[in-house]
């Protein structure tokens, strides 16, 4: 299975990173639609697209507006946007308000609940989990017969989701703050470095990719990766357009 990190930053784009978006190009599935979402149309290998939103903060949804042209051109036959009722309502009423975006995209809106299971290509099963974050957020996990992946962003580690990600092969987890800013992580509903490393270790993950990096530090790594690797050696700070196989 191939995954492309289209956007690995949080809050706003920088010269180094666009905001949150991940794409499985060969099965037409994406997590989040931040500013990195403009890259989907050149990399998607299917004529359908399912977008699973974690929540409705702008750095995770604004890219939905970028996808009108590929749909109108007929490059993609259908787009289904999945999220909680609260998230979908916010996107439809605010992001696509006529005053902001006068042409409503022909998307299908699919409500998710904590008990939802979605079948995905190659025999996979997608499940979601409610995370703690101002305004709410969802974590996602996909299990195939021989591999698994989880996406956890916009929450404070450690959280109530450890069982949800237990023994996952690939864990993609936000890591916005260094340890020195732990208080800010807790205030804003985000995660700091050591806590994320401990989550990866304690859940039994095999690989960890850090995303949702602070855009105010594009010139260097916003967290101490060496410190993280002392706790969980198989950790990597994801970069825009990085591709992984798992």
C-alpha atoms as a PDB file:
ATOM      1  CA  UNK A   1       0.000   0.000   0.000  1.00  0.00           C
ATOM      2  CA  UNK A   2       1.310   3.435  -0.972  1.00  0.00           C
ATOM      3  CA  UNK A   3       0.762   6.637   1.008  1.00  0.00           C
ATOM      4  CA  UNK A   4       1.785  10.188   0.051  1.00  0.00           C
ATOM      5  CA  UNK A   5       2.129  12.961   2.614  1.00  0.00           C
ATOM      6  CA  UNK A   6       0.630  15.921   0.733  1.00  0.00           C
ATOM      7  CA  UNK A   7       0.749  18.278   3.703  1.00  0.00           C
ATOM      8  CA  UNK A   8       2.626  17.745   6.963  1.00  0.00           C
ATOM      9  CA  UNK A   9       2.221  21.084   8.732  1.00  0.00           C
ATOM     10  CA  UNK A  10      -0.378  22.618  10.995  1.00  0.00           C
ATOM     11  CA  UNK A  11      -2.100  25.984  11.366  1.00  0.00           C
ATOM     12  CA  UNK A  12      -0.921  27.621   8.115  1.00  0.00           C
ATOM     13  CA  UNK A  13       1.299  26.661   5.178  1.00  0.00           C
ATOM     14  CA  UNK A  14       4.984  27.559   5.135  1.00  0.00           C
ATOM     15  CA  UNK A  15       7.720  27.412   2.519  1.00  0.00           C
ATOM     16  CA  UNK A  16       8.491  23.896   3.744  1.00  0.00           C
ATOM     17  CA  UNK A  17       5.091  22.416   4.568  1.00  0.00           C
ATOM     18  CA  UNK A  18       1.471  22.647   3.504  1.00  0.00           C
ATOM     19  CA  UNK A  19      -1.249  21.831   5.998  1.00  0.00           C
ATOM     20  CA  UNK A  20      -2.750  18.444   6.682  1.00  0.00           C
ATOM     21  CA  UNK A  21      -3.523  16.052   3.863  1.00  0.00           C
ATOM     22  CA  UNK A  22      -2.621  12.402   3.275  1.00  0.00           C
ATOM     23  CA  UNK A  23      -3.436  10.421   0.133  1.00  0.00           C
ATOM     24  CA  UNK A  24      -3.612   6.740  -0.728  1.00  0.00           C
ATOM     25  CA  UNK A  25      -3.465   7.381  -4.484  1.00  0.00           C
ATOM     26  CA  UNK A  26      -4.074   3.851  -5.694  1.00  0.00           C
ATOM     27  CA  UNK A  27      -7.316   3.332  -3.775  1.00  0.00           C
ATOM     28  CA  UNK A  28      -8.712   6.882  -3.925  1.00  0.00           C
ATOM     29  CA  UNK A  29      -8.737   7.649  -0.211  1.00  0.00           C
ATOM     30  CA  UNK A  30      -7.536  10.767   1.606  1.00  0.00           C
ATOM     31  CA  UNK A  31      -7.292  11.885   5.206  1.00  0.00           C
ATOM     32  CA  UNK A  32      -7.989  15.608   5.667  1.00  0.00           C
ATOM     33  CA  UNK A  33      -8.004  18.361   3.070  1.00  0.00           C
ATOM     34  CA  UNK A  34      -5.703  21.157   4.151  1.00  0.00           C
ATOM     35  CA  UNK A  35      -3.701  23.341   1.784  1.00  0.00           C
ATOM     36  CA  UNK A  36      -1.738  20.290   0.599  1.00  0.00           C
ATOM     37  CA  UNK A  37      -4.949  18.974  -0.965  1.00  0.00           C
ATOM     38  CA  UNK A  38      -4.265  20.829  -4.222  1.00  0.00           C
ATOM     39  CA  UNK A  39      -1.725  18.086  -4.951  1.00  0.00           C
ATOM     40  CA  UNK A  40      -4.365  15.347  -5.087  1.00  0.00           C
ATOM     41  CA  UNK A  41      -5.465  15.915  -8.682  1.00  0.00           C
ATOM     42  CA  UNK A  42      -2.001  15.186 -10.122  1.00  0.00           C
ATOM     43  CA  UNK A  43      -1.465  12.030  -8.058  1.00  0.00           C
ATOM     44  CA  UNK A  44      -4.850  10.330  -7.766  1.00  0.00           C
ATOM     45  CA  UNK A  45      -4.989   7.030  -9.684  1.00  0.00           C
ATOM     46  CA  UNK A  46      -8.743   6.414  -9.401  1.00  0.00           C
ATOM     47  CA  UNK A  47     -11.833   8.179 -10.741  1.00  0.00           C
ATOM     48  CA  UNK A  48     -13.454   8.302  -7.299  1.00  0.00           C
ATOM     49  CA  UNK A  49     -12.238   9.921  -4.085  1.00  0.00           C
ATOM     50  CA  UNK A  50     -13.227   9.407  -0.457  1.00  0.00           C
ATOM     51  CA  UNK A  51     -12.061  12.144   1.916  1.00  0.00           C
ATOM     52  CA  UNK A  52     -12.160  11.453   5.648  1.00  0.00           C
ATOM     53  CA  UNK A  53     -12.027  14.644   7.720  1.00  0.00           C
ATOM     54  CA  UNK A  54     -10.763  14.656  11.281  1.00  0.00           C
ATOM     55  CA  UNK A  55     -12.531  17.923  12.141  1.00  0.00           C
ATOM     56  CA  UNK A  56     -13.546  21.286  10.692  1.00  0.00           C
ATOM     57  CA  UNK A  57     -10.622  23.544  11.571  1.00  0.00           C
ATOM     58  CA  UNK A  58      -9.540  25.448   8.478  1.00  0.00           C
ATOM     59  CA  UNK A  59      -6.079  23.898   8.195  1.00  0.00           C
ATOM     60  CA  UNK A  60      -7.805  20.534   7.679  1.00  0.00           C
ATOM     61  CA  UNK A  61     -10.663  21.454   5.325  1.00  0.00           C
ATOM     62  CA  UNK A  62      -9.832  24.483   3.177  1.00  0.00           C
ATOM     63  CA  UNK A  63      -8.432  22.313   0.364  1.00  0.00           C
ATOM     64  CA  UNK A  64     -11.895  20.933  -0.390  1.00  0.00           C
ATOM     65  CA  UNK A  65     -12.471  24.166  -2.303  1.00  0.00           C
ATOM     66  CA  UNK A  66      -9.512  23.327  -4.565  1.00  0.00           C
ATOM     67  CA  UNK A  67     -11.192  20.235  -5.982  1.00  0.00           C
ATOM     68  CA  UNK A  68     -14.105  21.768  -7.869  1.00  0.00           C
ATOM     69  CA  UNK A  69     -12.304  21.965 -11.218  1.00  0.00           C
ATOM     70  CA  UNK A  70     -11.206  18.283 -11.394  1.00  0.00           C
ATOM     71  CA  UNK A  71     -14.813  17.288 -10.714  1.00  0.00           C
ATOM     72  CA  UNK A  72     -16.297  19.658 -13.285  1.00  0.00           C
ATOM     73  CA  UNK A  73     -13.709  18.531 -15.860  1.00  0.00           C
ATOM     74  CA  UNK A  74     -14.774  14.934 -15.334  1.00  0.00           C
ATOM     75  CA  UNK A  75     -11.373  13.791 -14.062  1.00  0.00           C
ATOM     76  CA  UNK A  76     -13.163  12.371 -11.019  1.00  0.00           C
ATOM     77  CA  UNK A  77     -16.628  10.872 -11.203  1.00  0.00           C
ATOM     78  CA  UNK A  78     -17.521  11.146  -7.539  1.00  0.00           C
ATOM     79  CA  UNK A  79     -16.221  12.669  -4.328  1.00  0.00           C
ATOM     80  CA  UNK A  80     -17.519  11.519  -0.970  1.00  0.00           C
ATOM     81  CA  UNK A  81     -16.630  13.616   2.067  1.00  0.00           C
ATOM     82  CA  UNK A  82     -16.855  11.773   5.395  1.00  0.00           C
ATOM     83  CA  UNK A  83     -16.974  13.327   8.852  1.00  0.00           C
ATOM     84  CA  UNK A  84     -19.106  13.787  11.936  1.00  0.00           C
ATOM     85  CA  UNK A  85     -22.442  15.553  11.516  1.00  0.00           C
ATOM     86  CA  UNK A  86     -20.944  18.579  13.263  1.00  0.00           C
ATOM     87  CA  UNK A  87     -17.960  18.694  10.912  1.00  0.00           C
ATOM     88  CA  UNK A  88     -19.995  18.240   7.737  1.00  0.00           C
ATOM     89  CA  UNK A  89     -22.472  20.936   8.782  1.00  0.00           C
ATOM     90  CA  UNK A  90     -19.647  23.382   9.483  1.00  0.00           C
ATOM     91  CA  UNK A  91     -18.029  22.687   6.104  1.00  0.00           C
ATOM     92  CA  UNK A  92     -21.262  23.016   4.149  1.00  0.00           C
ATOM     93  CA  UNK A  93     -22.620  26.059   5.949  1.00  0.00           C
ATOM     94  CA  UNK A  94     -19.392  28.021   6.320  1.00  0.00           C
ATOM     95  CA  UNK A  95     -16.629  26.910   3.931  1.00  0.00           C
ATOM     96  CA  UNK A  96     -19.128  26.559   1.096  1.00  0.00           C
ATOM     97  CA  UNK A  97     -21.343  29.468   2.080  1.00  0.00           C
ATOM     98  CA  UNK A  98     -22.417  31.303  -1.070  1.00  0.00           C
ATOM     99  CA  UNK A  99     -20.676  34.460   0.112  1.00  0.00           C
ATOM    100  CA  UNK A 100     -17.352  32.593   0.267  1.00  0.00           C
ATOM    101  CA  UNK A 101     -17.688  29.992  -2.484  1.00  0.00           C
ATOM    102  CA  UNK A 102     -20.549  30.659  -4.919  1.00  0.00           C
ATOM    103  CA  UNK A 103     -20.445  27.334  -6.828  1.00  0.00           C
ATOM    104  CA  UNK A 104     -21.453  24.426  -4.610  1.00  0.00           C
ATOM    105  CA  UNK A 105     -19.347  21.348  -5.395  1.00  0.00           C
ATOM    106  CA  UNK A 106     -21.231  18.142  -6.266  1.00  0.00           C
ATOM    107  CA  UNK A 107     -19.852  16.255  -3.291  1.00  0.00           C
ATOM    108  CA  UNK A 108     -21.664  13.508  -1.419  1.00  0.00           C
ATOM    109  CA  UNK A 109     -21.669  14.131   2.324  1.00  0.00           C
ATOM    110  CA  UNK A 110     -21.355  10.992   4.476  1.00  0.00           C
ATOM    111  CA  UNK A 111     -21.899  11.157   8.226  1.00  0.00           C
ATOM    112  CA  UNK A 112     -19.632   9.168  10.530  1.00  0.00           C
ATOM    113  CA  UNK A 113     -20.250   8.074  14.095  1.00  0.00           C
ATOM    114  CA  UNK A 114     -17.961   6.354  16.581  1.00  0.00           C
ATOM    115  CA  UNK A 115     -19.439   2.991  15.552  1.00  0.00           C
ATOM    116  CA  UNK A 116     -19.073   3.500  11.792  1.00  0.00           C
ATOM    117  CA  UNK A 117     -17.092   0.952   9.806  1.00  0.00           C
ATOM    118  CA  UNK A 118     -16.272   1.561   6.149  1.00  0.00           C
ATOM    119  CA  UNK A 119     -15.025  -1.106   3.789  1.00  0.00           C
ATOM    120  CA  UNK A 120     -12.075   0.080   1.685  1.00  0.00           C
ATOM    121  CA  UNK A 121     -10.127  -1.430  -1.202  1.00  0.00           C
ATOM    122  CA  UNK A 122      -8.070  -4.611  -0.865  1.00  0.00           C
ATOM    123  CA  UNK A 123     -10.194  -5.975   1.954  1.00  0.00           C
ATOM    124  CA  UNK A 124      -9.583  -3.127   4.376  1.00  0.00           C
ATOM    125  CA  UNK A 125     -11.849  -1.883   7.158  1.00  0.00           C
ATOM    126  CA  UNK A 126     -11.800   1.750   8.293  1.00  0.00           C
ATOM    127  CA  UNK A 127     -12.887   2.684  11.800  1.00  0.00           C
ATOM    128  CA  UNK A 128     -12.844   5.976  13.691  1.00  0.00           C
ATOM    129  CA  UNK A 129     -12.512   7.139  17.272  1.00  0.00           C
ATOM    130  CA  UNK A 130     -13.473  10.382  19.010  1.00  0.00           C
ATOM    131  CA  UNK A 131     -10.420  12.324  20.197  1.00  0.00           C
ATOM    132  CA  UNK A 132     -10.197  15.096  22.760  1.00  0.00           C
ATOM    133  CA  UNK A 133      -9.687  18.474  21.027  1.00  0.00           C
ATOM    134  CA  UNK A 134     -11.429  21.870  21.164  1.00  0.00           C
ATOM    135  CA  UNK A 135     -14.382  21.468  18.819  1.00  0.00           C
ATOM    136  CA  UNK A 136     -13.819  17.721  18.611  1.00  0.00           C
ATOM    137  CA  UNK A 137     -11.724  15.532  16.315  1.00  0.00           C
ATOM    138  CA  UNK A 138     -11.680  11.989  14.934  1.00  0.00           C
ATOM    139  CA  UNK A 139      -8.820   9.525  14.772  1.00  0.00           C
ATOM    140  CA  UNK A 140      -8.818   6.940  11.991  1.00  0.00           C
ATOM    141  CA  UNK A 141      -7.533   3.416  11.614  1.00  0.00           C
ATOM    142  CA  UNK A 142      -7.527   1.100   8.604  1.00  0.00           C
ATOM    143  CA  UNK A 143      -6.946  -2.622   9.030  1.00  0.00           C
ATOM    144  CA  UNK A 144      -6.162  -4.865   6.101  1.00  0.00           C
ATOM    145  CA  UNK A 145      -5.607  -8.615   6.498  1.00  0.00           C
ATOM    146  CA  UNK A 146      -1.827  -8.146   6.580  1.00  0.00           C
ATOM    147  CA  UNK A 147      -1.195  -4.517   7.648  1.00  0.00           C
ATOM    148  CA  UNK A 148      -2.678  -1.528   9.453  1.00  0.00           C
ATOM    149  CA  UNK A 149      -2.328   2.233   9.718  1.00  0.00           C
ATOM    150  CA  UNK A 150      -3.670   4.877  12.109  1.00  0.00           C
ATOM    151  CA  UNK A 151      -3.929   8.670  11.779  1.00  0.00           C
ATOM    152  CA  UNK A 152      -4.140  10.684  15.005  1.00  0.00           C
ATOM    153  CA  UNK A 153      -4.064  14.465  14.812  1.00  0.00           C
ATOM    154  CA  UNK A 154      -5.273  17.468  16.769  1.00  0.00           C
ATOM    155  CA  UNK A 155      -5.329  15.918  20.196  1.00  0.00           C
ATOM    156  CA  UNK A 156      -3.110  15.942  23.276  1.00  0.00           C
ATOM    157  CA  UNK A 157      -0.972  12.860  23.858  1.00  0.00           C
ATOM    158  CA  UNK A 158      -1.321  10.693  25.814  1.00  0.00           C
ATOM    159  CA  UNK A 159      -5.048  10.427  25.337  1.00  0.00           C
ATOM    160  CA  UNK A 160      -7.933   8.016  25.540  1.00  0.00           C
ATOM    161  CA  UNK A 161      -7.119   6.371  22.213  1.00  0.00           C
ATOM    162  CA  UNK A 162      -4.288   3.973  23.100  1.00  0.00           C
ATOM    163  CA  UNK A 163      -6.442   0.866  22.725  1.00  0.00           C
ATOM    164  CA  UNK A 164      -7.727   2.129  19.376  1.00  0.00           C
ATOM    165  CA  UNK A 165      -4.202   2.201  17.894  1.00  0.00           C
ATOM    166  CA  UNK A 166      -2.886  -0.907  19.654  1.00  0.00           C
ATOM    167  CA  UNK A 167      -0.312  -2.877  17.593  1.00  0.00           C
ATOM    168  CA  UNK A 168      -0.731  -0.724  14.492  1.00  0.00           C
ATOM    169  CA  UNK A 169       1.957  -1.149  11.828  1.00  0.00           C
ATOM    170  CA  UNK A 170       2.155   2.545  10.892  1.00  0.00           C
ATOM    171  CA  UNK A 171       1.187   5.325  13.287  1.00  0.00           C
ATOM    172  CA  UNK A 172       0.873   8.855  11.896  1.00  0.00           C
ATOM    173  CA  UNK A 173       0.598  11.213  14.846  1.00  0.00           C
ATOM    174  CA  UNK A 174       0.628  14.959  15.216  1.00  0.00           C
ATOM    175  CA  UNK A 175       3.568  16.521  17.056  1.00  0.00           C
ATOM    176  CA  UNK A 176       3.129  20.271  17.055  1.00  0.00           C
ATOM    177  CA  UNK A 177       5.138  21.301  20.111  1.00  0.00           C
ATOM    178  CA  UNK A 178       8.556  20.513  21.629  1.00  0.00           C
ATOM    179  CA  UNK A 179       8.599  19.336  25.224  1.00  0.00           C
ATOM    180  CA  UNK A 180       9.459  22.836  26.432  1.00  0.00           C
ATOM    181  CA  UNK A 181       5.981  23.971  25.302  1.00  0.00           C
ATOM    182  CA  UNK A 182       3.969  21.221  26.990  1.00  0.00           C
ATOM    183  CA  UNK A 183       1.708  23.791  28.655  1.00  0.00           C
ATOM    184  CA  UNK A 184       0.783  25.202  25.253  1.00  0.00           C
ATOM    185  CA  UNK A 185       0.116  21.702  23.940  1.00  0.00           C
ATOM    186  CA  UNK A 186      -2.388  21.146  26.705  1.00  0.00           C
ATOM    187  CA  UNK A 187      -3.997  24.572  26.295  1.00  0.00           C
ATOM    188  CA  UNK A 188      -4.499  24.208  22.553  1.00  0.00           C
ATOM    189  CA  UNK A 189      -5.319  20.510  22.318  1.00  0.00           C
ATOM    190  CA  UNK A 190      -2.101  19.443  20.610  1.00  0.00           C
ATOM    191  CA  UNK A 191       0.781  17.084  21.353  1.00  0.00           C
ATOM    192  CA  UNK A 192       4.408  17.421  22.414  1.00  0.00           C
ATOM    193  CA  UNK A 193       7.395  15.299  21.451  1.00  0.00           C
ATOM    194  CA  UNK A 194       8.084  12.946  24.344  1.00  0.00           C
ATOM    195  CA  UNK A 195       4.395  12.195  24.882  1.00  0.00           C
ATOM    196  CA  UNK A 196       3.977  11.150  21.242  1.00  0.00           C
ATOM    197  CA  UNK A 197       7.053   8.904  21.406  1.00  0.00           C
ATOM    198  CA  UNK A 198       5.689   7.247  24.535  1.00  0.00           C
ATOM    199  CA  UNK A 199       2.315   6.684  22.863  1.00  0.00           C
ATOM    200  CA  UNK A 200       4.014   4.954  19.910  1.00  0.00           C
ATOM    201  CA  UNK A 201       6.049   2.780  22.283  1.00  0.00           C
ATOM    202  CA  UNK A 202       3.152   1.939  24.590  1.00  0.00           C
ATOM    203  CA  UNK A 203       0.697   1.040  21.827  1.00  0.00           C
ATOM    204  CA  UNK A 204       3.166  -1.331  20.175  1.00  0.00           C
ATOM    205  CA  UNK A 205       3.379   0.524  16.849  1.00  0.00           C
ATOM    206  CA  UNK A 206       6.047  -0.580  14.416  1.00  0.00           C
ATOM    207  CA  UNK A 207       6.686   2.787  12.717  1.00  0.00           C
ATOM    208  CA  UNK A 208       5.912   6.398  13.676  1.00  0.00           C
ATOM    209  CA  UNK A 209       5.588   9.387  11.337  1.00  0.00           C
ATOM    210  CA  UNK A 210       5.211  12.829  12.893  1.00  0.00           C
ATOM    211  CA  UNK A 211       2.947  15.401  11.195  1.00  0.00           C
ATOM    212  CA  UNK A 212       1.173  18.704  11.917  1.00  0.00           C
ATOM    213  CA  UNK A 213       4.502  20.429  12.573  1.00  0.00           C
ATOM    214  CA  UNK A 214       4.697  24.034  13.735  1.00  0.00           C
ATOM    215  CA  UNK A 215       4.937  26.245  10.598  1.00  0.00           C
ATOM    216  CA  UNK A 216       6.718  28.991  12.518  1.00  0.00           C
ATOM    217  CA  UNK A 217       9.945  26.963  12.387  1.00  0.00           C
ATOM    218  CA  UNK A 218      10.352  26.025   8.701  1.00  0.00           C
ATOM    219  CA  UNK A 219      14.120  26.411   8.797  1.00  0.00           C
ATOM    220  CA  UNK A 220      14.720  23.534  11.199  1.00  0.00           C
ATOM    221  CA  UNK A 221      12.975  20.592  12.775  1.00  0.00           C
ATOM    222  CA  UNK A 222      10.328  21.908  15.180  1.00  0.00           C
ATOM    223  CA  UNK A 223      10.841  18.980  17.586  1.00  0.00           C
ATOM    224  CA  UNK A 224      13.912  17.115  18.824  1.00  0.00           C
ATOM    225  CA  UNK A 225      13.793  13.946  16.745  1.00  0.00           C
ATOM    226  CA  UNK A 226      16.815  12.482  18.535  1.00  0.00           C
ATOM    227  CA  UNK A 227      14.984  12.752  21.850  1.00  0.00           C
ATOM    228  CA  UNK A 228      11.963  11.015  20.348  1.00  0.00           C
ATOM    229  CA  UNK A 229      14.110   8.216  18.904  1.00  0.00           C
ATOM    230  CA  UNK A 230      15.616   7.493  22.292  1.00  0.00           C
ATOM    231  CA  UNK A 231      12.134   6.435  23.348  1.00  0.00           C
ATOM    232  CA  UNK A 232      10.878   5.088  20.011  1.00  0.00           C
ATOM    233  CA  UNK A 233      13.691   4.454  17.505  1.00  0.00           C
ATOM    234  CA  UNK A 234      11.477   3.907  14.433  1.00  0.00           C
ATOM    235  CA  UNK A 235      10.332   7.539  14.331  1.00  0.00           C
ATOM    236  CA  UNK A 236      10.507   9.955  11.429  1.00  0.00           C
ATOM    237  CA  UNK A 237       9.445  13.548  10.868  1.00  0.00           C
ATOM    238  CA  UNK A 238       7.337  13.347   7.707  1.00  0.00           C
ATOM    239  CA  UNK A 239       8.005  15.786   4.862  1.00  0.00           C
ATOM    240  CA  UNK A 240       5.693  17.075   2.140  1.00  0.00           C
ATOM    241  CA  UNK A 241       5.531  14.733  -0.887  1.00  0.00           C
ATOM    242  CA  UNK A 242       7.244  11.927   0.994  1.00  0.00           C
ATOM    243  CA  UNK A 243       5.939   8.516  -0.111  1.00  0.00           C
ATOM    244  CA  UNK A 244       5.939   5.389   1.999  1.00  0.00           C
ATOM    245  CA  UNK A 245       5.063   1.757   1.340  1.00  0.00           C
ATOM    246  CA  UNK A 246       3.645  -0.421   4.068  1.00  0.00           C
END
